[in-house]
Amino acid sequence: MARKESEREEKRREEMANEARELVGQHLNYSAAFICSTCGIQFPPPAEIGDGAPPSSCLICCEERQFVPRTGQVWTTQSKMKHQYRNGFQKHEAGMYSIATVPKFAIGQRAFLLQTSGNLLWDCVSFLDEATIDIVNALGGLKAIAISHPHYYSTNAQWSAAFGGIPVYIHERDKKWSVWEHERITFWRGDELHLWGGLTLLNLGGHFAGAQVLHWAGGAEGKGVLLTGDILQVSMDNATISIMRSYPNYIPLSASHAQRIGAKLNVWEFDRIYGAFLDREIETGAKSKVSFSLQRYIKWLNSTDLEI
């Protein structure tokens, strides 16, 4: 059974690689595809949307969880970015590197490369150049990409094509936010999706209905790692987390959201959390610290003015 499953997976990857080559043959120009400078999302290339002008607005930024700057919507492209940005790599533990763009671009999240029986890119950054591709290939390439939520979809179509048309795992409840719905996206359903090498996607909801985190059983010396994007936002004390519907606009989630998230995580073992941003990690005791943080969140939501 395992051999047949492996053969099916290999055939699927080959089909996707052929599809990616066909797209290149159709002169799909990723370098000219417009990227929102505020959230970092890449839209389909001008050849696919008509007149070569940028989109009139960004679907992500026009929604209450993001924002359009006072100066208005601004667009860029990979061709412009290559003169201003670079990607840096940092090794955090055996089998895991983070990738971050410098100087900061858009939201400023980092991606993570996990080396298991097939490398996974967790979350995504917008900037992609030849140096980044060379380094990732030297680390074993990529088998797939998985993204926590729509704010970090960034340039996933281009990343997928650059590594042979690999699948991109997004929860189906967030399908409507995919501004570039290319054929390599796998919209999965349910609460859990087991990938390979001890990697499991968990749909927690909250920040977005399809918000997902990644559990890595082999991380933290076998004690378990949770990669959370900002579905669980690691706080500045690196000892607690918080949850929000919107971070930039300060819109909280409900107590019921916190209770549900806590219940879903309670059955998983993890000792360490890596958040979306530089140095936002809980190094040890993460599971109990998440439980404490969510209970604190619920307490304050239910408190009255007289209790403050």
Protein backbone atom coordinates (compact mmCIF):
# COMPACT_ATOMS: atom_id res chain seq x y z
CA MET A 1 0.00 0.00 0.00
CA ALA A 2 2.78 2.41 0.95
CA ARG A 3 4.57 1.70 -2.33
CA LYS A 4 1.41 2.35 -4.38
CA GLU A 5 0.78 5.56 -2.47
CA SER A 6 4.37 6.64 -3.14
CA GLU A 7 3.98 5.85 -6.84
CA ARG A 8 0.73 7.84 -7.01
CA GLU A 9 2.39 10.79 -5.28
CA GLU A 10 5.37 10.63 -7.65
CA LYS A 11 3.02 10.52 -10.66
CA ARG A 12 1.08 13.50 -9.30
CA ARG A 13 4.28 15.50 -8.82
CA GLU A 14 5.40 14.63 -12.36
CA GLU A 15 2.05 15.80 -13.76
CA MET A 16 2.36 19.06 -11.82
CA ALA A 17 5.91 19.56 -13.06
CA ASN A 18 4.71 19.08 -16.65
CA GLU A 19 1.94 21.58 -15.99
CA ALA A 20 4.46 24.10 -14.67
CA ARG A 21 6.61 23.65 -17.78
CA GLU A 22 3.52 24.24 -19.94
CA LEU A 23 2.85 27.49 -18.09
CA VAL A 24 6.40 28.60 -18.77
CA GLY A 25 5.85 27.65 -22.40
CA GLN A 26 2.87 30.00 -22.40
CA HIS A 27 5.26 32.80 -21.35
CA LEU A 28 3.76 33.26 -17.91
CA ASN A 29 5.71 36.28 -16.72
CA TYR A 30 5.95 36.11 -12.95
CA SER A 31 8.42 38.99 -12.83
CA ALA A 32 5.72 41.32 -14.19
CA ALA A 33 2.90 40.06 -11.93
CA PHE A 34 1.72 42.81 -9.62
CA ILE A 35 2.34 42.43 -5.89
CA CYS A 36 0.49 44.43 -3.25
CA SER A 37 3.12 46.37 -1.30
CA THR A 38 0.96 46.37 1.84
CA CYS A 39 0.12 42.68 2.24
CA GLY A 40 2.55 41.11 -0.25
CA ILE A 41 -0.04 39.16 -2.26
CA GLN A 42 0.80 38.48 -5.91
CA PHE A 43 -1.96 38.81 -8.50
CA PRO A 44 -2.06 36.98 -11.86
CA PRO A 45 0.30 38.40 -14.50
CA PRO A 46 -1.05 41.21 -16.71
CA ALA A 47 -1.35 38.83 -19.69
CA GLU A 48 -3.94 36.88 -17.71
CA ILE A 49 -6.00 39.87 -16.57
CA GLY A 50 -6.07 41.97 -19.69
CA ASP A 51 -4.57 45.41 -20.20
CA GLY A 52 -1.33 45.27 -18.18
CA ALA A 53 -2.60 47.72 -15.58
CA PRO A 54 -2.46 46.78 -11.87
CA PRO A 55 -5.64 45.58 -10.19
CA SER A 56 -7.99 48.35 -9.10
CA SER A 57 -7.77 47.19 -5.49
CA CYS A 58 -6.43 44.41 -3.28
CA LEU A 59 -9.07 41.98 -2.06
CA ILE A 60 -7.04 41.22 1.07
CA CYS A 61 -6.32 44.82 2.08
CA CYS A 62 -9.88 46.05 1.50
CA GLU A 63 -11.20 43.68 4.17
CA GLU A 64 -11.42 44.56 7.88
CA ARG A 65 -8.55 42.29 8.93
CA GLN A 66 -6.05 44.25 6.81
CA PHE A 67 -5.93 47.85 5.61
CA VAL A 68 -5.20 50.17 2.70
CA PRO A 69 -2.59 52.79 3.67
CA ARG A 70 -3.60 56.44 3.87
CA THR A 71 -1.40 57.03 0.82
CA GLY A 72 -3.49 54.57 -1.19
CA GLN A 73 -2.93 51.24 -2.87
CA VAL A 74 0.67 50.70 -4.03
CA TRP A 75 1.92 47.93 -6.31
CA THR A 76 5.33 46.48 -7.10
CA THR A 77 6.77 43.52 -9.05
CA GLN A 78 9.59 41.03 -8.63
CA SER A 79 11.51 42.97 -11.28
CA LYS A 80 11.45 46.06 -9.07
CA MET A 81 11.99 44.18 -5.81
CA LYS A 82 15.23 42.52 -6.92
CA HIS A 83 16.99 45.89 -6.70
CA GLN A 84 15.84 46.51 -3.13
CA TYR A 85 15.48 43.20 -1.28
CA ARG A 86 17.30 40.00 -0.31
CA ASN A 87 16.24 36.87 1.55
CA GLY A 88 18.14 35.78 4.63
CA PHE A 89 18.25 32.24 6.05
CA GLN A 90 18.51 31.25 9.72
CA LYS A 91 18.89 27.74 11.13
CA HIS A 92 16.77 27.25 14.26
CA GLU A 93 17.21 23.57 14.98
CA ALA A 94 18.11 20.38 13.15
CA GLY A 95 15.99 20.20 10.01
CA MET A 96 14.49 23.68 10.15
CA TYR A 97 15.42 27.05 8.63
CA SER A 98 13.53 30.32 8.47
CA ILE A 99 13.52 32.60 5.41
CA ALA A 100 12.97 36.33 5.89
CA THR A 101 13.13 39.25 3.46
CA VAL A 102 15.35 42.22 4.28
CA PRO A 103 14.61 45.02 4.56
CA LYS A 104 11.11 44.22 5.76
CA PHE A 105 8.52 43.96 2.98
CA ALA A 106 4.73 44.20 3.41
CA ILE A 107 3.58 42.39 6.58
CA GLY A 108 7.07 41.10 7.24
CA GLN A 109 6.37 37.44 8.07
CA ARG A 110 8.98 34.74 7.70
CA ALA A 111 8.66 31.36 5.99
CA PHE A 112 10.10 28.09 7.30
CA LEU A 113 11.77 25.25 5.43
CA LEU A 114 11.36 21.89 7.19
CA GLN A 115 13.63 19.03 6.15
CA THR A 116 11.82 15.72 6.58
CA SER A 117 11.31 12.83 4.15
CA GLY A 118 10.37 15.62 1.71
CA ASN A 119 10.96 19.30 2.36
CA LEU A 120 7.99 21.53 3.17
CA LEU A 121 7.82 25.30 2.95
CA TRP A 122 5.60 26.60 5.75
CA ASP A 123 4.09 29.99 4.98
CA CYS A 124 5.61 32.10 2.25
CA VAL A 125 7.45 35.35 1.59
CA SER A 126 6.82 37.52 -1.46
CA PHE A 127 10.37 38.00 -2.70
CA LEU A 128 11.86 35.16 -4.73
CA ASP A 129 15.16 35.42 -6.61
CA GLU A 130 17.69 33.02 -8.12
CA ALA A 131 19.85 33.05 -5.00
CA THR A 132 16.89 31.92 -2.88
CA ILE A 133 16.07 29.16 -5.36
CA ASP A 134 19.70 27.96 -5.37
CA ILE A 135 19.90 27.87 -1.56
CA VAL A 136 16.58 26.04 -1.18
CA ASN A 137 17.65 23.49 -3.80
CA ALA A 138 20.95 23.01 -1.97
CA LEU A 139 18.92 22.21 1.14
CA GLY A 140 16.98 19.53 -0.74
CA GLY A 141 14.40 21.47 -2.74
CA LEU A 142 10.70 21.48 -1.90
CA LYS A 143 8.02 18.80 -2.02
CA ALA A 144 5.13 21.12 -1.16
CA ILE A 145 4.06 24.43 0.38
CA ALA A 146 1.49 24.96 3.15
CA ILE A 147 0.23 28.40 4.18
CA SER A 148 -1.40 29.38 7.45
CA HIS A 149 -3.92 31.93 6.16
CA PRO A 150 -4.64 34.41 3.32
CA HIS A 151 -2.39 37.24 4.60
CA TYR A 152 0.63 35.03 3.84
CA TYR A 153 -0.41 33.67 0.43
CA SER A 154 2.17 36.09 -1.04
CA THR A 155 3.76 34.71 -4.25
CA ASN A 156 2.91 31.04 -3.73
CA ALA A 157 2.13 30.49 -7.44
CA GLN A 158 5.65 31.59 -8.35
CA TRP A 159 7.28 29.55 -5.57
CA SER A 160 5.33 26.48 -6.70
CA ALA A 161 6.40 26.89 -10.33
CA ALA A 162 10.04 27.56 -9.37
CA PHE A 163 10.28 24.16 -7.67
CA GLY A 164 8.61 22.05 -10.32
CA GLY A 165 4.93 22.79 -9.89
CA ILE A 166 4.67 21.51 -6.33
CA PRO A 167 1.30 21.47 -4.51
CA VAL A 168 0.24 24.33 -2.22
CA TYR A 169 -1.93 23.25 0.73
CA ILE A 170 -4.64 25.76 1.71
CA HIS A 171 -7.77 25.02 3.70
CA GLU A 172 -10.90 25.08 1.55
CA ARG A 173 -12.69 27.43 3.96
CA ASP A 174 -10.30 30.19 2.81
CA LYS A 175 -10.65 29.46 -0.91
CA LYS A 176 -12.48 32.73 -1.61
CA TRP A 177 -9.40 34.72 -0.53
CA SER A 178 -7.10 33.12 -3.09
CA VAL A 179 -6.67 35.96 -5.58
CA TRP A 180 -4.58 33.74 -7.87
CA GLU A 181 -6.33 30.38 -7.88
CA HIS A 182 -3.78 28.40 -9.84
CA GLU A 183 -4.04 24.67 -10.55
CA ARG A 184 -1.38 23.60 -8.05
CA ILE A 185 -3.42 24.65 -5.00
CA THR A 186 -4.85 21.75 -3.00
CA PHE A 187 -7.87 22.99 -1.07
CA TRP A 188 -8.25 20.43 1.72
CA ARG A 189 -11.19 19.87 4.04
CA GLY A 190 -11.65 18.80 7.63
CA ASP A 191 -9.83 19.36 10.91
CA GLU A 192 -6.52 17.60 10.16
CA LEU A 193 -4.40 16.75 7.16
CA HIS A 194 -1.50 14.34 7.68
CA LEU A 195 1.27 15.08 5.19
CA TRP A 196 4.48 13.07 5.69
CA GLY A 197 7.45 12.86 8.04
CA GLY A 198 5.40 13.67 11.13
CA LEU A 199 3.91 16.84 9.61
CA THR A 200 0.20 17.54 10.18
CA LEU A 201 -1.92 20.56 9.28
CA LEU A 202 -4.51 21.54 11.89
CA ASN A 203 -7.45 23.78 11.01
CA LEU A 204 -7.93 26.00 14.08
CA GLY A 205 -10.02 28.79 12.56
CA GLY A 206 -10.14 32.06 14.48
CA HIS A 207 -8.15 34.66 12.56
CA PHE A 208 -9.71 33.19 9.38
CA ALA A 209 -12.19 30.34 9.06
CA GLY A 210 -9.59 28.22 7.29
CA ALA A 211 -6.65 29.29 9.45
CA GLN A 212 -4.24 26.40 9.91
CA VAL A 213 -1.14 25.65 11.95
CA LEU A 214 1.54 23.03 11.35
CA HIS A 215 2.43 20.35 13.89
CA TRP A 216 5.88 18.78 13.51
CA ALA A 217 6.16 15.72 15.73
CA GLY A 218 9.94 15.41 15.30
CA GLY A 219 10.75 19.01 16.20
CA ALA A 220 12.21 20.20 19.51
CA GLU A 221 14.23 16.99 19.86
CA GLY A 222 11.09 14.90 19.47
CA LYS A 223 8.97 16.88 21.95
CA GLY A 224 6.97 18.48 19.15
CA VAL A 225 6.84 21.87 17.45
CA LEU A 226 3.90 24.03 16.45
CA LEU A 227 4.38 26.55 13.63
CA THR A 228 1.55 29.03 13.96
CA GLY A 229 1.97 32.02 11.66
CA ASP A 230 -0.05 34.58 13.59
CA ILE A 231 -3.00 32.24 14.13
CA LEU A 232 -1.42 32.07 17.57
CA GLN A 233 0.59 35.28 17.85
CA VAL A 234 3.67 34.85 20.05
CA SER A 235 3.77 37.84 22.39
CA MET A 236 6.70 40.14 23.03
CA ASP A 237 7.50 38.31 26.27
CA ASN A 238 8.15 35.10 24.28
CA ALA A 239 6.20 33.27 26.99
CA THR A 240 2.56 33.80 26.01
CA ILE A 241 0.37 34.01 22.90
CA SER A 242 -2.71 35.90 21.85
CA ILE A 243 -5.37 35.55 19.17
CA MET A 244 -7.15 38.23 17.15
CA ARG A 245 -9.51 38.60 14.23
CA SER A 246 -7.46 41.62 13.12
CA TYR A 247 -4.08 42.58 14.53
CA PRO A 248 -3.62 45.94 12.73
CA ASN A 249 -7.21 47.01 13.45
CA TYR A 250 -7.35 45.55 16.99
CA ILE A 251 -10.45 43.39 16.50
CA PRO A 252 -10.55 40.55 19.07
CA LEU A 253 -11.93 37.07 18.71
CA SER A 254 -14.68 35.76 20.95
CA ALA A 255 -14.30 33.61 24.05
CA SER A 256 -15.85 30.72 22.14
CA HIS A 257 -13.09 30.97 19.53
CA ALA A 258 -10.48 30.77 22.29
CA GLN A 259 -12.20 27.77 23.88
CA ARG A 260 -12.44 25.91 20.58
CA ILE A 261 -8.80 26.58 19.66
CA GLY A 262 -7.68 25.40 23.08
CA ALA A 263 -9.72 22.21 22.81
CA LYS A 264 -8.31 21.40 19.38
CA LEU A 265 -4.72 21.87 20.55
CA ASN A 266 -5.16 19.99 23.81
CA VAL A 267 -4.84 16.58 22.12
CA TRP A 268 -1.50 17.46 20.48
CA GLU A 269 1.90 17.37 22.14
CA PHE A 270 4.27 20.26 21.51
CA ASP A 271 7.01 21.91 23.54
CA ARG A 272 8.01 24.74 21.21
CA ILE A 273 6.25 27.35 19.05
CA TYR A 274 7.63 29.34 16.14
CA GLY A 275 5.55 32.39 15.30
CA ALA A 276 5.37 34.46 12.16
CA PHE A 277 7.90 37.13 13.01
CA LEU A 278 11.59 37.39 13.81
CA ASP A 279 12.49 36.16 17.32
CA ARG A 280 8.88 35.36 18.19
CA GLU A 281 9.34 31.87 19.65
CA ILE A 282 8.36 30.03 22.81
CA GLU A 283 11.38 27.79 23.34
CA THR A 284 9.99 25.36 25.89
CA GLY A 285 6.81 24.56 27.78
CA ALA A 286 4.72 25.94 24.92
CA LYS A 287 1.64 23.76 25.41
CA SER A 288 1.02 24.87 29.00
CA LYS A 289 1.78 28.48 28.07
CA VAL A 290 -0.79 28.40 25.27
CA SER A 291 -3.38 27.00 27.68
CA PHE A 292 -2.61 29.73 30.23
CA SER A 293 -2.75 32.44 27.55
CA LEU A 294 -6.13 31.34 26.20
CA GLN A 295 -7.62 31.09 29.68
CA ARG A 296 -6.34 34.59 30.44
CA TYR A 297 -7.85 35.84 27.20
CA ILE A 298 -11.24 34.34 28.07
CA LYS A 299 -11.07 35.76 31.61
CA TRP A 300 -10.56 39.33 30.40
CA LEU A 301 -13.24 39.06 27.73
CA ASN A 302 -15.70 38.00 30.44
CA SER A 303 -14.58 40.52 33.07
CA THR A 304 -16.60 43.58 34.05
CA ASP A 305 -15.34 47.13 34.56
CA LEU A 306 -15.53 46.64 38.34
CA GLU A 307 -13.01 43.78 38.14
CA ILE A 308 -10.32 45.78 36.35
